[in-house]
Amino acid sequence: MGVFCFPAGATLPLHDHPHMVVLSKVLYGSVSTRSYDWVTTPVSASHSKSMDDADGLARMVMDNQVLEAPCKASVLFPRSGGNLHSFTSVTPCAILDVLAPPYAEELGRPSTYFSEMRIPSLSGFAILEEREVPDDLVVNGAPYLGPEIAIDADLC
């Protein structure tokens, strides 16, 4: 779980959430989002394209849709809902993200960044290619200092 705070104009580049469900909520401000889902076909689903492949054809789910607080939370699923996405803050904003399960490179859930090449002759589609973590991307973490979180074992 994390809260991402952005000054106006900041961007979280196009990235994925492999094998994860993500709940996102704009807490304040407004943010523009662009998102994709991988395109799978019977051939690619059974032979070459898997969720672990880093490059391929993707279908646009949202193209620079502005989300402004207060708004409903959004949910991304491992194969749908815009699982590959980027954010660009329109105003200073904060986004709450809850990831289940969390990123874990050793368990096949790395954070991967992508560059996109839109296909002019195929509106709404792009080729996404894995790229290195952008040099200018800075994510500062901080420990949770709020009240203790108790989990009721009977509910699990």
Protein backbone atom coordinates (compact mmCIF):
# COMPACT_ATOMS: atom_id res chain seq x y z
CA MET A 1 0.00 0.00 0.00
CA GLY A 2 1.30 3.44 -0.82
CA VAL A 3 0.33 7.05 -1.30
CA PHE A 4 1.96 8.79 -4.24
CA CYS A 5 2.13 12.57 -3.91
CA PHE A 6 2.84 14.55 -7.09
CA PRO A 7 3.49 18.22 -7.79
CA ALA A 8 1.67 19.60 -10.82
CA GLY A 9 3.16 18.25 -14.07
CA ALA A 10 4.92 15.23 -12.52
CA THR A 11 4.69 11.89 -14.34
CA LEU A 12 4.77 8.28 -13.21
CA PRO A 13 5.84 6.58 -16.46
CA LEU A 14 4.01 3.74 -18.20
CA HIS A 15 4.43 0.65 -16.00
CA ASP A 16 2.71 -2.64 -15.25
CA HIS A 17 1.35 -4.65 -12.34
CA PRO A 18 2.06 -8.30 -13.27
CA HIS A 19 -0.21 -10.89 -11.63
CA MET A 20 -1.59 -8.18 -9.33
CA VAL A 21 -4.88 -6.48 -8.52
CA VAL A 22 -4.54 -2.73 -7.93
CA LEU A 23 -7.05 -0.47 -6.22
CA SER A 24 -6.34 3.24 -6.87
CA LYS A 25 -8.06 6.31 -5.46
CA VAL A 26 -7.31 9.98 -6.13
CA LEU A 27 -7.26 11.53 -2.66
CA TYR A 28 -6.93 15.16 -3.74
CA GLY A 29 -6.18 17.10 -6.89
CA SER A 30 -6.44 15.83 -10.45
CA VAL A 31 -4.41 13.46 -12.57
CA SER A 32 -4.45 12.41 -16.21
CA THR A 33 -4.09 8.69 -16.84
CA ARG A 34 -3.39 6.62 -19.92
CA SER A 35 -3.73 2.86 -19.71
CA TYR A 36 -3.48 -0.30 -21.78
CA ASP A 37 -4.22 -4.01 -21.58
CA TRP A 38 -2.20 -6.59 -23.47
CA VAL A 39 -3.85 -7.98 -26.59
CA THR A 40 -4.03 -11.75 -26.58
CA THR A 41 -5.17 -14.02 -29.37
CA PRO A 42 -5.70 -17.80 -29.32
CA VAL A 43 -2.25 -18.22 -30.91
CA SER A 44 -0.45 -15.77 -28.62
CA ALA A 45 -2.28 -16.96 -25.53
CA SER A 46 -1.20 -20.57 -26.04
CA HIS A 47 2.22 -20.15 -27.69
CA SER A 48 4.15 -16.92 -27.53
CA LYS A 49 2.47 -14.13 -25.55
CA SER A 50 2.20 -14.53 -21.81
CA MET A 51 1.80 -12.09 -18.96
CA ASP A 52 5.55 -12.43 -18.37
CA ASP A 53 6.49 -11.24 -21.87
CA ALA A 54 7.61 -7.63 -21.77
CA ASP A 55 6.91 -6.46 -25.35
CA GLY A 56 3.85 -6.65 -27.53
CA LEU A 57 0.58 -5.30 -28.84
CA ALA A 58 -1.62 -3.47 -26.35
CA ARG A 59 -5.15 -2.04 -26.57
CA MET A 60 -5.78 1.38 -25.09
CA VAL A 61 -8.26 1.44 -22.22
CA MET A 62 -7.97 5.14 -21.31
CA ASP A 63 -6.31 7.95 -23.26
CA ASN A 64 -5.44 10.89 -21.04
CA GLN A 65 -8.62 10.63 -18.97
CA VAL A 66 -8.56 13.17 -16.16
CA LEU A 67 -9.55 11.87 -12.73
CA GLU A 68 -10.38 14.57 -10.20
CA ALA A 69 -11.02 14.11 -6.48
CA PRO A 70 -13.50 13.28 -5.23
CA CYS A 71 -14.04 10.36 -7.58
CA LYS A 72 -14.66 6.64 -7.34
CA ALA A 73 -11.77 4.25 -6.83
CA SER A 74 -10.60 2.27 -9.84
CA VAL A 75 -9.57 -1.37 -9.94
CA LEU A 76 -7.03 -2.95 -12.28
CA PHE A 77 -6.98 -6.71 -12.71
CA PRO A 78 -4.01 -8.80 -13.89
CA ARG A 79 -5.34 -8.97 -17.46
CA SER A 80 -7.86 -6.13 -17.68
CA GLY A 81 -8.87 -2.65 -16.65
CA GLY A 82 -5.72 -0.84 -17.77
CA ASN A 83 -3.09 -2.90 -15.96
CA LEU A 84 -0.33 -0.99 -17.79
CA HIS A 85 -0.71 2.70 -17.03
CA SER A 86 0.90 6.09 -16.52
CA PHE A 87 -0.10 9.13 -14.48
CA THR A 88 0.59 12.81 -15.12
CA SER A 89 -0.57 15.22 -12.44
CA VAL A 90 -2.70 18.11 -13.70
CA THR A 91 -2.65 19.78 -10.29
CA PRO A 92 -0.80 18.79 -7.11
CA CYS A 93 -2.38 15.47 -6.19
CA ALA A 94 -2.14 12.29 -4.15
CA ILE A 95 -3.10 8.77 -5.21
CA LEU A 96 -3.65 5.86 -2.85
CA ASP A 97 -2.59 2.51 -4.34
CA VAL A 98 -3.33 -0.85 -2.73
CA LEU A 99 -1.53 -3.74 -4.47
CA ALA A 100 -2.45 -7.37 -3.91
CA PRO A 101 -0.11 -9.15 -3.87
CA PRO A 102 2.71 -6.57 -3.72
CA TYR A 103 5.60 -6.24 -6.17
CA ALA A 104 8.14 -9.05 -5.63
CA GLU A 105 10.76 -9.58 -8.31
CA GLU A 106 11.79 -12.95 -6.89
CA LEU A 107 8.18 -14.17 -7.22
CA GLY A 108 7.69 -12.98 -10.82
CA ARG A 109 6.12 -9.62 -9.99
CA PRO A 110 8.75 -7.04 -10.97
CA SER A 111 8.04 -3.42 -11.75
CA THR A 112 8.56 -2.97 -15.49
CA TYR A 113 8.49 0.29 -17.41
CA PHE A 114 7.51 0.65 -21.07
CA SER A 115 7.84 2.95 -24.03
CA GLU A 116 4.90 3.10 -26.41
CA MET A 117 4.70 3.37 -30.16
CA ARG A 118 1.17 4.16 -31.26
CA ILE A 119 0.00 2.57 -34.50
CA PRO A 120 -1.50 5.33 -36.70
CA SER A 121 -3.29 2.84 -38.96
CA LEU A 122 -4.78 0.97 -35.97
CA SER A 123 -6.45 3.54 -33.74
CA GLY A 124 -6.47 2.64 -30.06
CA PHE A 125 -3.51 0.25 -30.23
CA ALA A 126 0.21 0.55 -29.56
CA ILE A 127 3.33 -1.57 -29.44
CA LEU A 128 4.80 -1.48 -25.93
CA GLU A 129 8.49 -2.20 -25.40
CA GLU A 130 10.25 -2.75 -22.09
CA ARG A 131 12.63 0.03 -21.13
CA GLU A 132 15.04 0.77 -18.34
CA VAL A 133 13.79 2.60 -15.27
CA PRO A 134 13.79 6.27 -16.30
CA ASP A 135 16.81 8.15 -14.91
CA ASP A 136 14.64 11.01 -13.69
CA LEU A 137 12.16 8.78 -11.80
CA VAL A 138 12.51 9.33 -8.06
CA VAL A 139 10.30 7.50 -5.59
CA ASN A 140 10.91 8.32 -1.94
CA GLY A 141 9.55 5.89 0.63
CA ALA A 142 8.65 6.58 4.22
CA PRO A 143 7.61 4.23 7.02
CA TYR A 144 4.02 4.08 8.20
CA LEU A 145 3.82 5.99 11.51
CA GLY A 146 0.08 5.77 12.14
CA PRO A 147 -1.79 3.63 14.63
CA GLU A 148 -1.06 -0.09 14.81
CA ILE A 149 -2.99 -2.13 12.27
CA ALA A 150 -4.64 -5.19 13.81
CA ILE A 151 -5.75 -8.14 11.71
CA ASP A 152 -8.54 -10.36 12.94
CA ALA A 153 -7.36 -13.94 12.21
CA ASP A 154 -10.96 -15.14 12.12
CA LEU A 155 -11.62 -12.97 9.05
CA CYS A 156 -8.69 -14.33 7.03
